[in-house]
Protein backbone atom coordinates (compact mmCIF):
# COMPACT_ATOMS: atom_id res chain seq x y z
CA MET A 1 102.50 127.87 -115.92
CA ASN A 2 103.39 125.69 -119.04
CA THR A 3 101.31 126.14 -121.94
CA PRO A 4 99.85 122.61 -122.86
CA ALA A 5 98.93 121.56 -126.33
CA HIS A 6 95.89 123.18 -127.83
CA SER A 7 95.50 125.86 -124.87
CA PRO A 8 93.06 128.60 -125.75
CA GLU A 9 94.93 131.97 -127.21
CA ASN A 10 92.28 134.12 -125.57
CA ILE A 11 90.26 133.27 -122.70
CA GLY A 12 87.47 135.49 -121.28
CA VAL A 13 85.27 134.78 -118.48
CA VAL A 14 81.45 135.49 -118.37
CA ILE A 15 80.28 136.58 -115.27
CA THR A 16 75.91 137.04 -115.03
CA THR A 17 74.97 139.65 -113.08
CA TYR A 18 71.26 141.21 -111.72
CA ASN A 19 71.44 143.84 -108.89
CA GLN A 20 73.86 142.38 -106.28
CA PRO A 21 76.86 144.96 -106.15
CA ALA A 22 78.24 143.63 -102.82
CA TRP A 23 78.04 140.04 -104.19
CA LEU A 24 79.60 141.21 -107.52
CA GLU A 25 82.73 143.26 -105.85
CA LYS A 26 83.67 140.18 -103.73
CA VAL A 27 83.51 138.30 -107.06
CA LEU A 28 85.72 140.67 -109.19
CA LEU A 29 88.17 140.99 -106.50
CA GLY A 30 88.45 137.31 -106.70
CA TYR A 31 89.68 137.69 -110.73
CA GLU A 32 92.30 140.41 -109.60
CA ALA A 33 93.65 137.81 -107.15
CA GLN A 34 94.16 135.21 -110.10
CA ILE A 35 97.34 133.62 -110.07
CA PHE A 36 96.97 133.54 -114.31
CA THR A 37 96.35 136.87 -115.38
CA ASP A 38 95.67 136.84 -119.21
CA PHE A 39 91.95 136.80 -119.48
CA ARG A 40 89.24 139.15 -120.11
CA VAL A 41 86.13 139.61 -118.04
CA LEU A 42 82.85 139.62 -119.88
CA ILE A 43 80.12 141.09 -117.68
CA ALA A 44 76.71 139.95 -118.85
CA ASP A 45 74.08 142.16 -117.16
CA ASP A 46 70.71 141.67 -117.03
CA GLY A 47 69.55 144.76 -116.49
CA SER A 48 71.46 146.27 -112.99
CA GLY A 49 71.20 149.42 -111.96
CA GLU A 50 73.27 152.35 -111.11
CA ALA A 51 74.61 150.71 -107.87
CA THR A 52 76.24 147.68 -109.60
CA ARG A 53 77.52 150.07 -113.09
CA ALA A 54 79.48 151.90 -110.14
CA VAL A 55 81.18 148.47 -108.91
CA ILE A 56 82.18 147.87 -112.41
CA GLU A 57 83.50 151.22 -113.04
CA LYS A 58 85.65 151.45 -110.23
CA PHE A 59 87.27 148.20 -110.96
CA GLN A 60 87.54 149.43 -114.65
CA GLN A 61 89.28 152.40 -113.31
CA ARG A 62 91.56 150.39 -111.38
CA GLY A 63 93.03 148.96 -114.28
CA LYS A 64 93.75 145.32 -112.89
CA LEU A 65 91.29 143.50 -114.80
CA ASP A 66 90.16 144.01 -118.76
CA ILE A 67 86.17 144.66 -118.06
CA GLU A 68 83.91 144.55 -121.02
CA HIS A 69 80.07 145.37 -119.78
CA VAL A 70 77.54 144.43 -121.73
CA TRP A 71 74.28 145.15 -120.61
CA HIS A 72 70.29 145.16 -121.80
CA GLU A 73 67.10 147.18 -120.29
CA ASP A 74 65.72 145.68 -117.48
CA ARG A 75 62.62 143.60 -118.77
CA GLY A 76 61.98 140.30 -116.48
CA PHE A 77 64.38 137.52 -116.40
CA ARG A 78 66.55 137.96 -119.69
CA LYS A 79 69.26 135.87 -118.64
CA CYS A 80 70.15 133.71 -122.10
CA GLN A 81 69.56 136.94 -123.91
CA ILE A 82 72.34 138.83 -122.43
CA LEU A 83 74.08 135.83 -122.50
CA ASN A 84 73.98 135.65 -126.43
CA LYS A 85 75.09 139.28 -126.85
CA VAL A 86 78.28 138.22 -124.96
CA ILE A 87 78.89 135.51 -127.31
CA PHE A 88 78.00 136.73 -130.20
CA HIS A 89 80.35 139.50 -130.01
CA THR A 90 83.23 138.53 -128.29
CA ASP A 91 86.90 137.56 -130.19
CA CYS A 92 87.30 135.10 -127.03
CA ASP A 93 88.40 131.76 -128.45
CA TYR A 94 87.45 129.82 -125.31
CA LEU A 95 85.01 131.05 -122.49
CA VAL A 96 84.48 130.39 -118.71
CA PHE A 97 80.57 130.88 -117.86
CA THR A 98 80.06 131.96 -114.06
CA ASP A 99 78.02 134.30 -111.82
CA GLY A 100 78.05 137.44 -109.91
CA ASP A 101 77.92 135.46 -107.11
CA CYS A 102 80.49 133.07 -107.30
CA ILE A 103 84.04 133.77 -105.86
CA PRO A 104 87.28 132.24 -107.64
CA GLU A 105 89.79 130.29 -106.65
CA PRO A 106 93.30 132.06 -106.80
CA ASP A 107 93.96 129.59 -109.65
CA PHE A 108 90.17 129.27 -111.40
CA VAL A 109 90.77 130.73 -114.34
CA GLY A 110 94.31 129.22 -114.99
CA LYS A 111 93.18 125.56 -114.37
CA HIS A 112 90.49 126.57 -117.24
CA TRP A 113 93.01 127.28 -119.71
CA GLN A 114 95.32 124.18 -118.80
CA LEU A 115 92.68 122.00 -118.92
CA ALA A 116 91.10 122.87 -121.84
CA ARG A 117 90.80 120.00 -124.60
CA PRO A 118 89.56 120.21 -128.31
CA GLY A 119 86.01 118.48 -128.31
CA TYR A 120 85.25 118.89 -124.58
CA PHE A 121 83.58 121.65 -121.87
CA LEU A 122 84.91 121.30 -118.52
CA SER A 123 82.50 120.76 -116.00
CA GLY A 124 83.78 122.81 -112.23
CA GLY A 125 82.55 122.72 -108.92
CA TYR A 126 81.26 125.13 -106.30
CA VAL A 127 80.76 125.24 -102.80
CA LYS A 128 77.42 126.68 -101.37
CA LEU A 129 78.07 129.11 -98.74
CA ASN A 130 75.45 130.25 -96.04
CA MET A 131 74.33 133.28 -95.57
CA ALA A 132 76.91 134.68 -92.62
CA VAL A 133 79.96 133.00 -94.14
CA SER A 134 79.04 134.73 -97.61
CA THR A 135 78.54 138.33 -95.49
CA ALA A 136 81.79 137.30 -93.29
CA ILE A 137 84.25 137.05 -95.92
CA ASP A 138 85.73 140.97 -97.04
CA ILE A 139 88.44 142.12 -99.35
CA ASN A 140 91.78 141.09 -97.18
CA ASP A 141 90.20 137.48 -97.17
CA ILE A 142 89.75 137.15 -100.50
CA ARG A 143 93.15 138.83 -101.47
CA ALA A 144 94.64 136.11 -98.87
CA GLY A 145 92.77 133.33 -100.14
CA ASN A 146 91.25 132.90 -96.71
CA PRO A 147 87.97 131.59 -97.82
CA PHE A 148 89.54 128.63 -99.76
CA ASN A 149 90.89 127.62 -96.66
CA ILE A 150 88.51 124.48 -95.29
CA ASP A 151 89.35 125.45 -91.50
CA TRP A 152 88.71 129.08 -91.91
CA LEU A 153 84.98 128.52 -93.50
CA THR A 154 84.35 125.99 -90.56
CA ARG A 155 85.38 128.49 -87.67
CA HIS A 156 83.30 131.32 -89.18
CA GLY A 157 80.08 129.18 -89.68
CA GLN A 158 79.78 127.11 -92.48
CA LYS A 159 79.40 123.50 -91.88
CA ASN A 160 81.84 121.01 -92.04
CA SER A 161 80.65 118.08 -94.71
CA HIS A 162 81.77 116.03 -97.65
CA LYS A 163 80.88 118.82 -100.15
CA LEU A 164 84.00 121.06 -98.45
CA TRP A 165 86.55 118.21 -100.21
CA LYS A 166 86.46 120.73 -103.25
CA LEU A 167 88.60 122.89 -101.64
CA VAL A 168 90.77 120.13 -100.49
CA LYS A 169 94.89 121.38 -101.30
CA SER A 170 96.75 118.21 -102.87
CA ARG A 171 96.64 118.07 -106.16
CA TRP A 172 96.71 114.24 -106.90
CA LEU A 173 93.70 114.16 -104.40
CA LYS A 174 91.63 116.32 -106.46
CA ASN A 175 92.45 114.42 -109.46
CA LEU A 176 91.73 111.24 -108.03
CA LEU A 177 88.23 112.35 -106.51
CA ASP A 178 87.53 114.12 -110.42
CA THR A 179 87.94 110.36 -111.58
CA ILE A 180 85.93 108.77 -109.13
CA THR A 181 83.25 110.83 -108.53
CA PRO A 182 79.70 109.62 -110.08
CA THR A 183 78.53 112.78 -110.38
CA LYS A 184 78.18 112.88 -114.29
CA ALA A 185 79.74 116.10 -115.65
CA THR A 186 77.21 118.71 -116.73
CA TRP A 187 77.10 121.95 -117.99
CA ASN A 188 76.93 124.25 -115.05
CA GLY A 189 75.91 128.10 -115.26
CA MET A 190 78.34 128.97 -112.17
CA ASN A 191 81.35 126.92 -113.25
CA SER A 192 81.74 125.65 -116.93
CA SER A 193 84.01 126.64 -120.22
CA THR A 194 84.29 125.02 -123.53
CA TRP A 195 85.44 126.45 -126.96
CA THR A 196 83.42 129.78 -128.31
CA GLU A 197 82.81 128.46 -131.85
CA ALA A 198 81.30 125.62 -130.26
CA ILE A 199 78.39 127.53 -128.30
CA ARG A 200 77.88 129.33 -131.73
CA ALA A 201 77.73 125.86 -133.60
CA CYS A 202 74.69 125.23 -130.84
CA ASN A 203 73.15 129.21 -131.59
CA GLY A 204 73.57 129.75 -127.89
CA PHE A 205 71.46 129.71 -125.14
CA ASN A 206 67.93 129.01 -125.65
CA GLU A 207 66.47 132.04 -125.00
CA ASP A 208 62.78 130.40 -124.14
CA MET A 209 64.32 128.90 -120.93
CA GLN A 210 63.70 130.86 -117.76
CA TYR A 211 65.69 130.12 -114.46
CA GLY A 212 65.66 126.18 -113.71
CA GLY A 213 68.31 124.37 -116.31
CA LEU A 214 69.17 126.59 -118.74
CA ASP A 215 73.11 126.06 -118.24
CA ARG A 216 72.29 122.02 -118.28
CA GLU A 217 69.90 122.46 -121.46
CA LEU A 218 73.04 123.87 -123.36
CA GLY A 219 75.59 121.29 -122.13
CA GLU A 220 72.68 118.83 -123.25
CA ARG A 221 73.02 120.00 -127.28
CA LEU A 222 76.71 120.57 -127.09
CA CYS A 223 76.82 116.34 -126.25
CA ASN A 224 74.51 116.72 -129.08
CA LEU A 225 76.52 118.87 -131.39
CA GLY A 226 79.12 116.16 -130.41
CA LEU A 227 81.32 117.28 -127.45
CA LYS A 228 82.35 115.68 -124.38
CA GLY A 229 81.88 116.69 -120.90
CA LYS A 230 85.04 116.27 -118.89
CA GLN A 231 84.46 116.51 -114.72
CA VAL A 232 86.49 118.55 -113.43
CA ARG A 233 84.62 119.47 -109.80
CA TYR A 234 87.22 118.93 -107.79
CA SER A 235 89.87 120.87 -109.78
CA VAL A 236 88.28 124.00 -110.14
CA SER A 237 86.34 125.15 -107.51
CA CYS A 238 84.04 128.71 -106.80
CA LEU A 239 82.49 129.71 -103.53
CA HIS A 240 78.95 130.38 -104.30
CA LEU A 241 77.63 133.84 -101.90
CA ASP A 242 74.16 132.95 -100.69
CA HIS A 243 70.99 135.35 -101.96
CA PRO A 244 67.25 134.96 -102.20
CA ARG A 245 65.75 133.67 -105.96
CA ALA A 246 62.09 135.14 -106.10
CA TYR A 247 62.84 134.05 -109.98
CA ASP A 248 62.49 130.11 -108.78
CA THR A 249 59.27 129.13 -109.63
CA PRO A 250 57.17 125.47 -110.13
CA GLU A 251 56.12 126.80 -113.57
CA THR A 252 59.18 127.65 -115.05
CA TRP A 253 61.14 125.04 -114.19
CA ALA A 254 58.53 122.52 -115.84
CA LYS A 255 58.56 124.46 -119.13
CA ASN A 256 62.47 124.13 -119.33
CA TYR A 257 62.02 120.27 -118.14
CA ALA A 258 59.78 119.86 -120.99
CA ILE A 259 62.52 121.85 -123.36
CA ARG A 260 64.76 119.84 -122.03
CA ALA A 261 63.39 116.41 -122.57
CA GLU A 262 62.05 117.49 -125.97
CA VAL A 263 66.34 118.17 -126.66
CA LYS A 264 67.34 114.69 -125.18
CA ARG A 265 64.27 112.71 -127.16
CA LEU A 266 65.54 114.13 -130.64
CA GLY A 267 69.08 114.50 -130.02
CA LEU A 268 68.74 118.77 -130.91
CA TYR A 269 72.21 120.65 -130.95
CA TRP A 270 70.43 123.82 -132.72
CA THR A 271 68.02 125.95 -130.76
CA PRO A 272 66.14 128.55 -133.49
CA ASN A 273 65.65 130.91 -130.11
CA GLY A 274 69.52 131.57 -129.67
CA MET A 275 71.60 133.70 -131.16
CA SER A 276 70.26 133.78 -134.38
CA LYS A 277 66.20 133.28 -134.96
CA THR A 278 66.87 130.84 -137.76
CA SER A 279 65.27 126.92 -137.71
CA LEU A 280 67.37 124.18 -139.31
CA GLN A 281 66.20 121.53 -141.10
CA SER A 282 64.55 118.74 -139.35
CA THR A 283 67.40 116.22 -140.58
CA ALA A 284 70.16 118.45 -139.10
CA PHE A 285 68.56 118.59 -135.47
CA ALA A 286 68.93 114.72 -135.24
CA THR A 287 72.52 114.45 -136.96
CA LYS A 288 75.27 114.56 -134.39
CA VAL A 289 78.22 116.43 -136.21
CA PRO A 290 82.03 114.99 -135.32
CA ALA A 291 83.57 116.15 -132.57
CA PHE A 292 85.64 119.51 -133.03
CA GLU A 293 89.21 117.93 -133.75
CA GLN A 294 91.41 120.97 -133.50
CA PRO A 295 91.21 124.53 -131.40
CA ILE A 296 88.35 125.96 -132.88
CA ALA A 297 88.89 129.31 -135.02
CA ARG A 298 88.11 132.74 -133.62
CA THR A 299 85.11 133.60 -135.88
CA LYS A 300 81.66 134.29 -136.47
CA HIS A 301 79.48 131.00 -137.19
CA PRO A 302 78.19 132.13 -140.36
CA LYS A 303 74.48 131.36 -139.51
CA VAL A 304 74.38 133.58 -136.78
CA ALA A 305 72.93 137.46 -137.52
CA ALA A 306 73.67 139.80 -135.55
CA VAL A 307 71.72 140.67 -132.21
């Protein structure tokens, strides 16, 4: 693969997980099968038990992936907190964010690396699988790339619809669909990427956010910082395995919508409850800083205290 100008020097894939060891195993198999192999896996573990730890240690012992496991105690939904720990401590200059229930395409990491540009974040896509198909996918299927074949998915019970267009093989068609899609480029937790220092400049994830739009809120602050979103939902995709969501409640959505509305109204790029528990002056909140013109150096943000 040719090295594009301004490509990341050290790319990390941040995978969030919580007590889904069977799904995480399939996901890590997907990263073992990547065409582009020069990346690190950073597992942001929101308090999983021993079954998850055993899966991670198995893959660490195999040695095909460079895996860092960042864990904290299970005290409820604290996804933003564990993500901030990963972001603060990593020396990767570019981060891809995804979840432990999302199997990556064989060229998933390579496309993020290839498409990375200063001043932008990438907004990738996903195909949401039903439970029957999620369960049917096995080790050999992942290694062979079978689940990324539309015919294979429909034979195993996935409904054939326009949503499967994300898995078309033609590169020019993928590029065309990315160009003409009316869907806005947003920060999606299962498949987005940008420069580490851009996220640090926003003080990371807002730890006031619970389930429901916490990823979008970061993307909105990145835009307020001056970054632009690039739509790559057809060029870079993953398969989302099915699972229940006990933490999905109307109350958390209402709280999160209120936070996001304030971010939009005031043009905020900094959250005072992020990696650092520090507020900026009110004038700084509403002032957009210039978009990054050059690749961002791998240094800790000076305003961020250790977490």
